[in-house]
Structures are given as structure tokens and as C-alpha cells.
PDB file of all heavy atoms in Angstrom:
ATOM      1  N   ASN A   1       0.882  -1.212  -0.023  1.00  0.00           N
ATOM      2  CA  ASN A   1       0.047  -0.027  -0.093  1.00  0.00           C
ATOM      3  C   ASN A   1       0.871   1.278   0.018  1.00  0.00           C
ATOM      4  O   ASN A   1       1.507   1.600   0.983  1.00  0.00           O
ATOM      5  CB  ASN A   1      -0.877  -0.005   1.106  1.00  0.00           C
ATOM      6  CG  ASN A   1      -1.892   1.205   1.253  1.00  0.00           C
ATOM      7  OD1 ASN A   1      -1.735   2.182   0.578  1.00  0.00           O
ATOM      8  ND2 ASN A   1      -2.781   1.166   2.243  1.00  0.00           N
ATOM      9  N   THR A   2       0.906   1.972  -1.135  1.00  0.00           N
ATOM     10  CA  THR A   2       1.755   3.143  -1.163  1.00  0.00           C
ATOM     11  C   THR A   2       0.858   4.309  -0.972  1.00  0.00           C
ATOM     12  O   THR A   2       1.300   5.575  -1.383  1.00  0.00           O
ATOM     13  CB  THR A   2       2.339   3.253  -2.585  1.00  0.00           C
ATOM     14  OG1 THR A   2       1.427   3.080  -3.620  1.00  0.00           O
ATOM     15  CG2 THR A   2       3.577   2.165  -2.792  1.00  0.00           C
ATOM     16  N   THR A   3      -0.115   4.187  -0.289  1.00  0.00           N
ATOM     17  CA  THR A   3      -1.195   5.337   0.062  1.00  0.00           C
ATOM     18  C   THR A   3      -1.610   6.198  -1.133  1.00  0.00           C
ATOM     19  O   THR A   3      -2.308   5.577  -1.965  1.00  0.00           O
ATOM     20  CB  THR A   3      -0.535   6.130   1.154  1.00  0.00           C
ATOM     21  OG1 THR A   3      -0.150   5.237   2.160  1.00  0.00           O
ATOM     22  CG2 THR A   3      -1.409   7.107   1.775  1.00  0.00           C
ATOM     23  N   ALA A   4      -1.138   7.388  -1.330  1.00  0.00           N
ATOM     24  CA  ALA A   4      -1.607   8.267  -2.405  1.00  0.00           C
ATOM     25  C   ALA A   4      -1.039   7.754  -3.758  1.00  0.00           C
ATOM     26  O   ALA A   4      -1.621   8.259  -4.799  1.00  0.00           O
ATOM     27  CB  ALA A   4      -1.285   9.585  -2.139  1.00  0.00           C
ATOM     28  N   ALA A   5      -0.231   6.933  -3.732  1.00  0.00           N
ATOM     29  CA  ALA A   5       0.457   6.507  -5.026  1.00  0.00           C
ATOM     30  C   ALA A   5      -0.145   5.342  -5.736  1.00  0.00           C
ATOM     31  O   ALA A   5       0.189   5.064  -6.864  1.00  0.00           O
ATOM     32  CB  ALA A   5       2.019   6.340  -4.874  1.00  0.00           C
ATOM     33  N   THR A   6      -1.026   4.554  -5.014  1.00  0.00           N
ATOM     34  CA  THR A   6      -1.482   3.307  -5.539  1.00  0.00           C
ATOM     35  C   THR A   6      -2.208   3.435  -6.844  1.00  0.00           C
ATOM     36  O   THR A   6      -1.925   2.752  -7.790  1.00  0.00           O
ATOM     37  CB  THR A   6      -2.322   2.541  -4.486  1.00  0.00           C
ATOM     38  OG1 THR A   6      -3.607   3.301  -4.333  1.00  0.00           O
ATOM     39  CG2 THR A   6      -1.629   2.279  -3.267  1.00  0.00           C
ATOM     40  N   ILE A   7      -3.186   4.374  -6.993  1.00  0.00           N
ATOM     41  CA  ILE A   7      -3.941   4.425  -8.300  1.00  0.00           C
ATOM     42  C   ILE A   7      -3.175   4.917  -9.476  1.00  0.00           C
ATOM     43  O   ILE A   7      -3.152   4.307 -10.514  1.00  0.00           O
ATOM     44  CB  ILE A   7      -5.253   5.208  -7.889  1.00  0.00           C
ATOM     45  CG1 ILE A   7      -6.209   4.486  -7.146  1.00  0.00           C
ATOM     46  CG2 ILE A   7      -5.852   5.650  -9.329  1.00  0.00           C
ATOM     47  CD1 ILE A   7      -7.477   5.242  -6.809  1.00  0.00           C
ATOM     48  N   PRO A   8      -2.326   5.893  -9.337  1.00  0.00           N
ATOM     49  CA  PRO A   8      -1.485   6.335 -10.454  1.00  0.00           C
ATOM     50  C   PRO A   8      -0.502   5.225 -10.748  1.00  0.00           C
ATOM     51  O   PRO A   8      -0.133   5.149 -11.998  1.00  0.00           O
ATOM     52  CB  PRO A   8      -0.917   7.622 -10.117  1.00  0.00           C
ATOM     53  CG  PRO A   8      -0.864   7.816  -8.581  1.00  0.00           C
ATOM     54  CD  PRO A   8      -2.213   6.958  -8.143  1.00  0.00           C
ATOM     55  N   LEU A   9      -0.019   4.546  -9.869  1.00  0.00           N
ATOM     56  CA  LEU A   9       0.907   3.491 -10.158  1.00  0.00           C
ATOM     57  C   LEU A   9       0.238   2.296 -10.977  1.00  0.00           C
ATOM     58  O   LEU A   9       0.836   1.739 -11.891  1.00  0.00           O
ATOM     59  CB  LEU A   9       1.508   2.821  -8.908  1.00  0.00           C
ATOM     60  CG  LEU A   9       2.731   3.670  -8.275  1.00  0.00           C
ATOM     61  CD1 LEU A   9       3.073   3.092  -7.024  1.00  0.00           C
ATOM     62  CD2 LEU A   9       3.905   3.754  -9.205  1.00  0.00           C
ATOM     63  N   CYS A  10      -1.092   2.133 -10.634  1.00  0.00           N
ATOM     64  CA  CYS A  10      -1.858   1.125 -11.458  1.00  0.00           C
ATOM     65  C   CYS A  10      -1.944   1.621 -12.876  1.00  0.00           C
ATOM     66  O   CYS A  10      -1.844   0.945 -13.832  1.00  0.00           O
ATOM     67  CB  CYS A  10      -3.270   0.980 -10.858  1.00  0.00           C
ATOM     68  SG  CYS A  10      -3.234  -0.310  -9.378  1.00  0.00           S
ATOM     69  N   LEU A  11      -2.324   2.924 -13.044  1.00  0.00           N
ATOM     70  CA  LEU A  11      -2.555   3.491 -14.396  1.00  0.00           C
ATOM     71  C   LEU A  11      -1.253   3.423 -15.242  1.00  0.00           C
ATOM     72  O   LEU A  11      -1.198   3.109 -16.367  1.00  0.00           O
ATOM     73  CB  LEU A  11      -2.955   4.855 -14.226  1.00  0.00           C
ATOM     74  CG  LEU A  11      -4.346   5.133 -13.733  1.00  0.00           C
ATOM     75  CD1 LEU A  11      -4.668   6.667 -13.500  1.00  0.00           C
ATOM     76  CD2 LEU A  11      -5.417   4.441 -14.504  1.00  0.00           C
ATOM     77  N   TYR A  12      -0.091   3.622 -14.494  1.00  0.00           N
ATOM     78  CA  TYR A  12       1.076   3.594 -15.141  1.00  0.00           C
ATOM     79  C   TYR A  12       1.517   2.075 -15.536  1.00  0.00           C
ATOM     80  O   TYR A  12       1.832   1.805 -16.700  1.00  0.00           O
ATOM     81  CB  TYR A  12       2.339   3.996 -14.223  1.00  0.00           C
ATOM     82  CG  TYR A  12       3.643   3.946 -14.884  1.00  0.00           C
ATOM     83  CD1 TYR A  12       4.141   4.964 -15.625  1.00  0.00           C
ATOM     84  CD2 TYR A  12       4.489   2.726 -14.803  1.00  0.00           C
ATOM     85  CE1 TYR A  12       5.362   4.777 -16.347  1.00  0.00           C
ATOM     86  CE2 TYR A  12       5.728   2.781 -15.449  1.00  0.00           C
ATOM     87  CZ  TYR A  12       6.164   3.711 -16.222  1.00  0.00           C
ATOM     88  OH  TYR A  12       7.346   3.746 -16.907  1.00  0.00           O
ATOM     89  N   ASP A  13       1.286   1.135 -14.705  1.00  0.00           N
ATOM     90  CA  ASP A  13       1.559  -0.298 -14.975  1.00  0.00           C
ATOM     91  C   ASP A  13       0.619  -0.824 -16.163  1.00  0.00           C
ATOM     92  O   ASP A  13       1.057  -1.684 -16.889  1.00  0.00           O
ATOM     93  CB  ASP A  13       1.388  -1.121 -13.751  1.00  0.00           C
ATOM     94  CG  ASP A  13       2.523  -0.982 -12.785  1.00  0.00           C
ATOM     95  OD1 ASP A  13       3.460  -0.330 -13.084  1.00  0.00           O
ATOM     96  OD2 ASP A  13       2.503  -1.487 -11.710  1.00  0.00           O
ATOM     97  N   TRP A  14      -0.531  -0.313 -16.181  1.00  0.00           N
ATOM     98  CA  TRP A  14      -1.523  -0.889 -17.189  1.00  0.00           C
ATOM     99  C   TRP A  14      -1.737   0.080 -18.412  1.00  0.00           C
ATOM    100  O   TRP A  14      -2.602  -0.355 -19.235  1.00  0.00           O
ATOM    101  CB  TRP A  14      -2.908  -1.071 -16.574  1.00  0.00           C
ATOM    102  CG  TRP A  14      -3.020  -2.494 -16.008  1.00  0.00           C
ATOM    103  CD1 TRP A  14      -3.726  -3.537 -16.618  1.00  0.00           C
ATOM    104  CD2 TRP A  14      -2.667  -2.967 -14.719  1.00  0.00           C
ATOM    105  NE1 TRP A  14      -3.747  -4.566 -15.788  1.00  0.00           N
ATOM    106  CE2 TRP A  14      -3.067  -4.312 -14.579  1.00  0.00           C
ATOM    107  CE3 TRP A  14      -1.974  -2.341 -13.606  1.00  0.00           C
ATOM    108  CZ2 TRP A  14      -2.824  -5.040 -13.549  1.00  0.00           C
ATOM    109  CZ3 TRP A  14      -1.701  -3.138 -12.502  1.00  0.00           C
ATOM    110  CH2 TRP A  14      -2.164  -4.543 -12.511  1.00  0.00           C
ATOM    111  N   GLN A  15      -0.945   1.101 -18.596  1.00  0.00           N
ATOM    112  CA  GLN A  15      -1.284   2.034 -19.674  1.00  0.00           C
ATOM    113  C   GLN A  15      -1.189   1.379 -20.982  1.00  0.00           C
ATOM    114  O   GLN A  15      -1.871   1.793 -21.922  1.00  0.00           O
ATOM    115  CB  GLN A  15      -0.352   3.320 -19.630  1.00  0.00           C
ATOM    116  CG  GLN A  15       1.122   2.955 -19.748  1.00  0.00           C
ATOM    117  CD  GLN A  15       2.010   4.227 -19.472  1.00  0.00           C
ATOM    118  OE1 GLN A  15       1.723   5.286 -20.012  1.00  0.00           O
ATOM    119  NE2 GLN A  15       3.035   4.148 -18.765  1.00  0.00           N
ATOM    120  N   GLU A  16      -0.378   0.424 -21.198  1.00  0.00           N
ATOM    121  CA  GLU A  16      -0.209  -0.343 -22.452  1.00  0.00           C
ATOM    122  C   GLU A  16      -1.419  -1.150 -22.813  1.00  0.00           C
ATOM    123  O   GLU A  16      -1.761  -1.532 -23.935  1.00  0.00           O
ATOM    124  CB  GLU A  16       1.057  -1.089 -22.624  1.00  0.00           C
ATOM    125  CG  GLU A  16       2.381  -0.290 -22.396  1.00  0.00           C
ATOM    126  CD  GLU A  16       2.554   0.852 -23.532  1.00  0.00           C
ATOM    127  OE1 GLU A  16       2.076   0.548 -24.659  1.00  0.00           O
ATOM    128  OE2 GLU A  16       3.020   1.878 -23.208  1.00  0.00           O
ATOM    129  N   GLN A  17      -2.144  -1.570 -21.846  1.00  0.00           N
ATOM    130  CA  GLN A  17      -3.308  -2.286 -21.886  1.00  0.00           C
ATOM    131  C   GLN A  17      -4.639  -1.571 -22.109  1.00  0.00           C
ATOM    132  O   GLN A  17      -5.668  -2.083 -22.385  1.00  0.00           O
ATOM    133  CB  GLN A  17      -3.405  -3.332 -20.844  1.00  0.00           C
ATOM    134  CG  GLN A  17      -2.170  -4.310 -20.757  1.00  0.00           C
ATOM    135  CD  GLN A  17      -2.427  -5.271 -19.538  1.00  0.00           C
ATOM    136  OE1 GLN A  17      -3.434  -5.983 -19.403  1.00  0.00           O
ATOM    137  NE2 GLN A  17      -1.451  -5.307 -18.684  1.00  0.00           N
ATOM    138  N   LEU A  18      -4.477  -0.233 -21.909  1.00  0.00           N
ATOM    139  CA  LEU A  18      -5.754   0.678 -21.927  1.00  0.00           C
ATOM    140  C   LEU A  18      -5.917   1.067 -23.302  1.00  0.00           C
ATOM    141  O   LEU A  18      -5.091   1.489 -23.933  1.00  0.00           O
ATOM    142  CB  LEU A  18      -5.500   1.905 -21.010  1.00  0.00           C
ATOM    143  CG  LEU A  18      -5.466   1.555 -19.553  1.00  0.00           C
ATOM    144  CD1 LEU A  18      -5.166   2.884 -18.795  1.00  0.00           C
ATOM    145  CD2 LEU A  18      -6.726   0.932 -18.989  1.00  0.00           C
ATOM    146  N   ASP A  19      -7.167   0.886 -23.742  1.00  0.00           N
ATOM    147  CA  ASP A  19      -7.535   1.233 -25.082  1.00  0.00           C
ATOM    148  C   ASP A  19      -8.429   2.643 -25.102  1.00  0.00           C
ATOM    149  O   ASP A  19      -9.072   2.920 -24.066  1.00  0.00           O
ATOM    150  CB  ASP A  19      -8.569   0.232 -25.715  1.00  0.00           C
ATOM    151  CG  ASP A  19      -7.814  -1.013 -26.072  1.00  0.00           C
ATOM    152  OD1 ASP A  19      -6.588  -0.995 -26.286  1.00  0.00           O
ATOM    153  OD2 ASP A  19      -8.382  -2.119 -25.877  1.00  0.00           O
ATOM    154  N   TYR A  20      -8.240   3.306 -26.037  1.00  0.00           N
ATOM    155  CA  TYR A  20      -8.916   4.624 -26.203  1.00  0.00           C
ATOM    156  C   TYR A  20     -10.377   4.418 -25.980  1.00  0.00           C
ATOM    157  O   TYR A  20     -11.078   3.619 -26.616  1.00  0.00           O
ATOM    158  CB  TYR A  20      -8.573   5.249 -27.551  1.00  0.00           C
ATOM    159  CG  TYR A  20      -9.349   6.619 -27.870  1.00  0.00           C
ATOM    160  CD1 TYR A  20      -8.860   7.798 -27.256  1.00  0.00           C
ATOM    161  CD2 TYR A  20     -10.474   6.645 -28.620  1.00  0.00           C
ATOM    162  CE1 TYR A  20      -9.467   9.052 -27.557  1.00  0.00           C
ATOM    163  CE2 TYR A  20     -11.170   7.791 -28.856  1.00  0.00           C
ATOM    164  CZ  TYR A  20     -10.683   8.897 -28.454  1.00  0.00           C
ATOM    165  OH  TYR A  20     -11.313  10.080 -28.622  1.00  0.00           O
ATOM    166  N   GLY A  21     -11.060   5.174 -25.166  1.00  0.00           N
ATOM    167  CA  GLY A  21     -12.497   5.218 -24.963  1.00  0.00           C
ATOM    168  C   GLY A  21     -12.883   4.051 -23.860  1.00  0.00           C
ATOM    169  O   GLY A  21     -14.017   4.065 -23.517  1.00  0.00           O
ATOM    170  N   ASP A  22     -11.939   3.458 -23.250  1.00  0.00           N
ATOM    171  CA  ASP A  22     -12.202   2.449 -22.248  1.00  0.00           C
ATOM    172  C   ASP A  22     -12.856   3.211 -21.004  1.00  0.00           C
ATOM    173  O   ASP A  22     -12.404   4.229 -20.591  1.00  0.00           O
ATOM    174  CB  ASP A  22     -10.990   1.769 -21.575  1.00  0.00           C
ATOM    175  CG  ASP A  22     -10.604   0.549 -22.409  1.00  0.00           C
ATOM    176  OD1 ASP A  22     -11.331   0.144 -23.354  1.00  0.00           O
ATOM    177  OD2 ASP A  22      -9.531   0.084 -22.179  1.00  0.00           O
ATOM    178  N   ASN A  23     -13.857   2.572 -20.418  1.00  0.00           N
ATOM    179  CA  ASN A  23     -14.588   3.046 -19.207  1.00  0.00           C
ATOM    180  C   ASN A  23     -13.740   2.535 -17.892  1.00  0.00           C
ATOM    181  O   ASN A  23     -13.609   1.239 -17.766  1.00  0.00           O
ATOM    182  CB  ASN A  23     -16.000   2.647 -19.153  1.00  0.00           C
ATOM    183  CG  ASN A  23     -16.871   3.269 -20.079  1.00  0.00           C
ATOM    184  OD1 ASN A  23     -16.668   4.444 -20.428  1.00  0.00           O
ATOM    185  ND2 ASN A  23     -17.726   2.552 -20.717  1.00  0.00           N
ATOM    186  N   LEU A  24     -13.285   3.502 -17.047  1.00  0.00           N
ATOM    187  CA  LEU A  24     -12.571   3.194 -15.924  1.00  0.00           C
ATOM    188  C   LEU A  24     -13.298   3.605 -14.676  1.00  0.00           C
ATOM    189  O   LEU A  24     -13.809   4.773 -14.730  1.00  0.00           O
ATOM    190  CB  LEU A  24     -11.169   3.806 -15.848  1.00  0.00           C
ATOM    191  CG  LEU A  24     -10.041   3.047 -16.630  1.00  0.00           C
ATOM    192  CD1 LEU A  24     -10.255   2.849 -18.108  1.00  0.00           C
ATOM    193  CD2 LEU A  24      -8.746   3.755 -16.474  1.00  0.00           C
ATOM    194  N   ILE A  25     -13.333   2.824 -13.636  1.00  0.00           N
ATOM    195  CA  ILE A  25     -13.788   3.275 -12.370  1.00  0.00           C
ATOM    196  C   ILE A  25     -12.569   3.301 -11.424  1.00  0.00           C
ATOM    197  O   ILE A  25     -12.011   2.212 -11.179  1.00  0.00           O
ATOM    198  CB  ILE A  25     -14.923   2.374 -11.928  1.00  0.00           C
ATOM    199  CG1 ILE A  25     -16.093   2.295 -12.679  1.00  0.00           C
ATOM    200  CG2 ILE A  25     -15.398   2.820 -10.459  1.00  0.00           C
ATOM    201  CD1 ILE A  25     -16.952   3.547 -12.834  1.00  0.00           C
ATOM    202  N   LEU A  26     -12.196   4.397 -10.940  1.00  0.00           N
ATOM    203  CA  LEU A  26     -11.236   4.504  -9.887  1.00  0.00           C
ATOM    204  C   LEU A  26     -11.806   4.680  -8.568  1.00  0.00           C
ATOM    205  O   LEU A  26     -12.813   5.492  -8.286  1.00  0.00           O
ATOM    206  CB  LEU A  26     -10.369   5.752 -10.186  1.00  0.00           C
ATOM    207  CG  LEU A  26      -9.344   5.832 -11.365  1.00  0.00           C
ATOM    208  CD1 LEU A  26     -10.067   5.444 -12.615  1.00  0.00           C
ATOM    209  CD2 LEU A  26      -8.727   7.193 -11.450  1.00  0.00           C
ATOM    210  N   ALA A  27     -11.456   3.932  -7.628  1.00  0.00           N
ATOM    211  CA  ALA A  27     -12.042   3.884  -6.193  1.00  0.00           C
ATOM    212  C   ALA A  27     -10.958   3.706  -5.135  1.00  0.00           C
ATOM    213  O   ALA A  27     -10.049   3.043  -5.269  1.00  0.00           O
ATOM    214  CB  ALA A  27     -13.015   2.721  -6.120  1.00  0.00           C
ATOM    215  N   ALA A  28     -11.330   4.542  -4.000  1.00  0.00           N
ATOM    216  CA  ALA A  28     -10.320   4.448  -2.881  1.00  0.00           C
ATOM    217  C   ALA A  28     -11.000   4.656  -1.561  1.00  0.00           C
ATOM    218  O   ALA A  28     -12.099   5.318  -1.571  1.00  0.00           O
ATOM    219  CB  ALA A  28      -9.263   5.509  -3.120  1.00  0.00           C
ATOM    220  N   PHE A  29     -10.338   4.276  -0.573  1.00  0.00           N
ATOM    221  CA  PHE A  29     -10.791   4.460   0.792  1.00  0.00           C
ATOM    222  C   PHE A  29      -9.587   4.738   1.617  1.00  0.00           C
ATOM    223  O   PHE A  29      -8.537   4.105   1.505  1.00  0.00           O
ATOM    224  CB  PHE A  29     -11.499   3.254   1.428  1.00  0.00           C
ATOM    225  CG  PHE A  29     -12.086   3.503   2.731  1.00  0.00           C
ATOM    226  CD1 PHE A  29     -13.338   3.924   2.939  1.00  0.00           C
ATOM    227  CD2 PHE A  29     -11.329   3.361   3.875  1.00  0.00           C
ATOM    228  CE1 PHE A  29     -13.915   4.132   4.164  1.00  0.00           C
ATOM    229  CE2 PHE A  29     -11.828   3.577   5.177  1.00  0.00           C
ATOM    230  CZ  PHE A  29     -13.090   3.919   5.331  1.00  0.00           C
ATOM    231  N   GLY A  30      -9.616   5.740   2.636  1.00  0.00           N
ATOM    232  CA  GLY A  30      -8.425   6.077   3.345  1.00  0.00           C
ATOM    233  C   GLY A  30      -8.833   6.621   4.725  1.00  0.00           C
ATOM    234  O   GLY A  30     -10.115   6.860   4.989  1.00  0.00           O
ATOM    235  N   GLY A  31      -7.878   6.886   5.424  1.00  0.00           N
ATOM    236  CA  GLY A  31      -8.082   7.526   6.842  1.00  0.00           C
ATOM    237  C   GLY A  31      -8.769   8.764   6.707  1.00  0.00           C
ATOM    238  O   GLY A  31      -8.693   9.540   5.833  1.00  0.00           O
ATOM    239  N   GLY A  32      -9.564   9.038   7.831  1.00  0.00           N
ATOM    240  CA  GLY A  32     -10.306  10.152   7.781  1.00  0.00           C
ATOM    241  C   GLY A  32     -11.761  10.187   8.543  1.00  0.00           C
ATOM    242  O   GLY A  32     -12.087  11.031   9.241  1.00  0.00           O
ATOM    243  N   PHE A  33     -12.619   9.272   8.167  1.00  0.00           N
ATOM    244  CA  PHE A  33     -12.439   8.300   7.034  1.00  0.00           C
ATOM    245  C   PHE A  33     -12.862   9.131   5.752  1.00  0.00           C
ATOM    246  O   PHE A  33     -13.738   9.903   5.655  1.00  0.00           O
ATOM    247  CB  PHE A  33     -13.421   7.174   7.151  1.00  0.00           C
ATOM    248  CG  PHE A  33     -13.077   6.134   8.162  1.00  0.00           C
ATOM    249  CD1 PHE A  33     -13.820   5.882   9.252  1.00  0.00           C
ATOM    250  CD2 PHE A  33     -11.817   5.539   8.058  1.00  0.00           C
ATOM    251  CE1 PHE A  33     -13.566   4.953  10.215  1.00  0.00           C
ATOM    252  CE2 PHE A  33     -11.508   4.576   9.072  1.00  0.00           C
ATOM    253  CZ  PHE A  33     -12.317   4.303  10.169  1.00  0.00           C
ATOM    254  N   THR A  34     -12.131   8.803   4.666  1.00  0.00           N
ATOM    255  CA  THR A  34     -12.322   9.398   3.282  1.00  0.00           C
ATOM    256  C   THR A  34     -12.540   8.300   2.305  1.00  0.00           C
ATOM    257  O   THR A  34     -11.905   7.173   2.386  1.00  0.00           O
ATOM    258  CB  THR A  34     -11.259  10.305   2.865  1.00  0.00           C
ATOM    259  OG1 THR A  34      -9.871   9.412   2.762  1.00  0.00           O
ATOM    260  CG2 THR A  34     -10.872  11.410   3.863  1.00  0.00           C
ATOM    261  N   TRP A  35     -13.445   8.501   1.393  1.00  0.00           N
ATOM    262  CA  TRP A  35     -13.567   7.518   0.334  1.00  0.00           C
ATOM    263  C   TRP A  35     -14.227   8.210  -0.882  1.00  0.00           C
ATOM    264  O   TRP A  35     -14.772   9.244  -0.908  1.00  0.00           O
ATOM    265  CB  TRP A  35     -14.266   6.283   0.656  1.00  0.00           C
ATOM    266  CG  TRP A  35     -15.711   6.384   1.016  1.00  0.00           C
ATOM    267  CD1 TRP A  35     -16.849   5.968   0.224  1.00  0.00           C
ATOM    268  CD2 TRP A  35     -16.299   6.765   2.345  1.00  0.00           C
ATOM    269  NE1 TRP A  35     -18.039   6.087   0.905  1.00  0.00           N
ATOM    270  CE2 TRP A  35     -17.685   6.547   2.237  1.00  0.00           C
ATOM    271  CE3 TRP A  35     -15.818   7.129   3.430  1.00  0.00           C
ATOM    272  CZ2 TRP A  35     -18.506   6.946   3.282  1.00  0.00           C
ATOM    273  CZ3 TRP A  35     -16.623   7.523   4.579  1.00  0.00           C
ATOM    274  CH2 TRP A  35     -18.027   7.263   4.424  1.00  0.00           C
ATOM    275  N   GLY A  36     -14.110   7.507  -2.187  1.00  0.00           N
ATOM    276  CA  GLY A  36     -14.745   8.029  -3.296  1.00  0.00           C
ATOM    277  C   GLY A  36     -14.401   7.145  -4.526  1.00  0.00           C
ATOM    278  O   GLY A  36     -13.779   6.363  -4.553  1.00  0.00           O
ATOM    279  N   ALA A  37     -15.055   7.718  -5.572  1.00  0.00           N
ATOM    280  CA  ALA A  37     -14.792   7.056  -6.824  1.00  0.00           C
ATOM    281  C   ALA A  37     -14.960   7.893  -8.086  1.00  0.00           C
ATOM    282  O   ALA A  37     -15.593   8.995  -7.866  1.00  0.00           O
ATOM    283  CB  ALA A  37     -15.922   5.926  -7.160  1.00  0.00           C
ATOM    284  N   ILE A  38     -14.192   7.753  -9.119  1.00  0.00           N
ATOM    285  CA  ILE A  38     -14.295   8.648 -10.238  1.00  0.00           C
ATOM    286  C   ILE A  38     -14.481   7.759 -11.439  1.00  0.00           C
ATOM    287  O   ILE A  38     -13.973   6.568 -11.687  1.00  0.00           O
ATOM    288  CB  ILE A  38     -12.952   9.299 -10.393  1.00  0.00           C
ATOM    289  CG1 ILE A  38     -12.689  10.411  -9.476  1.00  0.00           C
ATOM    290  CG2 ILE A  38     -12.867   9.924 -11.832  1.00  0.00           C
ATOM    291  CD1 ILE A  38     -11.467  11.114  -9.451  1.00  0.00           C
TER     292      ILE A  38
END
């Protein structure tokens, strides 16, 4: 768990597999409590 870095690291690792127009759901939960999705 790299905290604020996990989601962009996923996007970096998978960028070659992402196709133009793909629908992505980004989701997170953290201390606070804070959570959300894009």
C-alpha cells in the first residue's frame, strides 16, 4: 500500500493495456475516513 500513489501506479503499469475510450472506475478508501470513486 503506497497510500496516495497506488492508483496512479496502477494506471502507469496498465497504460499499454488501456484502449482509447475504455470506461474506468477509480475507487479508494482512506483514513479520515475518506472515500470516493471517479
